[in-house]
Each structure stands twice: as C-alpha cells, then as structure tokens.
Amino acid sequence: MFKKEKKVRLSLDSQEQSILLHSLVDMKNRMIAEGRYTDCVDDVILKLVTASGKK
C-alpha cells in the first residue's frame, strides 16, 4: 500500500554545503515571489543545516 522512501546520503564539504544552502534559499525566494508554497524547500533546508557531521 505505501512505498518505503529511498534515503540518499551525500558527503559535502563546507563549501559545497554553503553553495547548496544558498541555492535552496534562492529557490525559496523565487517560489515566494511566485506565490507558491515553500514547505518542501523548507524541509530540505532544515535537514541540511541540522545534519550531523558524521561519516
């Protein structure tokens, strides 16, 4: 009935993480300007900034 979500893990250095975060914020701002919901982007931003640094 329900499919299990596939998890993907990325190893990013601090520069890559910063680029990804800025890109997500830019996407969120564009979506706000278009009057669209940003819940999905907010979820990804939250996961990115709260990710532990474990390998």
Protein backbone atom coordinates (compact mmCIF):
# COMPACT_ATOMS: atom_id res chain seq x y z
CA MET A 1 0.00 0.00 0.00
CA PHE A 2 2.71 2.51 0.98
CA LYS A 3 6.10 2.54 -0.65
CA LYS A 4 9.14 2.90 1.55
CA GLU A 5 11.04 6.10 0.79
CA LYS A 6 14.54 5.66 -0.52
CA LYS A 7 17.10 7.58 1.53
CA VAL A 8 20.08 9.22 -0.13
CA ARG A 9 23.15 10.39 1.76
CA LEU A 10 25.56 12.99 0.46
CA SER A 11 29.04 13.77 1.69
CA LEU A 12 29.62 17.50 1.31
CA ASP A 13 32.50 19.69 2.37
CA SER A 14 31.73 23.07 3.91
CA GLN A 15 32.00 24.93 0.58
CA GLU A 16 29.60 22.52 -1.15
CA GLN A 17 27.19 22.75 1.78
CA SER A 18 27.27 26.55 1.60
CA ILE A 19 26.60 26.53 -2.17
CA LEU A 20 23.70 24.12 -1.72
CA LEU A 21 22.21 26.21 1.10
CA HIS A 22 22.42 29.44 -0.92
CA SER A 23 20.81 27.73 -3.91
CA LEU A 24 17.95 26.46 -1.78
CA VAL A 25 17.37 29.91 -0.27
CA ASP A 26 17.34 31.43 -3.78
CA MET A 27 14.81 28.81 -4.87
CA LYS A 28 12.67 29.54 -1.82
CA ASN A 29 12.73 33.28 -2.55
CA ARG A 30 11.67 32.67 -6.17
CA MET A 31 8.84 30.44 -5.02
CA ILE A 32 7.65 33.08 -2.53
CA ALA A 33 7.70 35.71 -5.30
CA GLU A 34 5.57 33.38 -7.44
CA GLY A 35 3.12 32.84 -4.58
CA ARG A 36 3.95 29.13 -4.28
CA TYR A 37 4.24 27.05 -1.13
CA THR A 38 7.79 26.53 0.14
CA ASP A 39 7.23 23.67 2.56
CA CYS A 40 9.27 21.14 0.58
CA VAL A 41 12.25 23.51 0.24
CA ASP A 42 11.98 24.42 3.93
CA ASP A 43 12.22 20.72 4.83
CA VAL A 44 15.39 20.26 2.79
CA ILE A 45 16.99 23.41 4.24
CA LEU A 46 16.22 22.19 7.74
CA LYS A 47 17.75 18.77 7.02
CA LEU A 48 20.85 20.41 5.57
CA VAL A 49 21.52 22.75 8.49
CA THR A 50 20.76 20.16 11.18
CA ALA A 51 22.75 17.32 9.60
CA SER A 52 25.41 15.86 11.82
CA GLY A 53 28.95 15.84 10.52
CA LYS A 54 29.30 12.07 10.91
CA LYS A 55 30.74 9.97 8.10
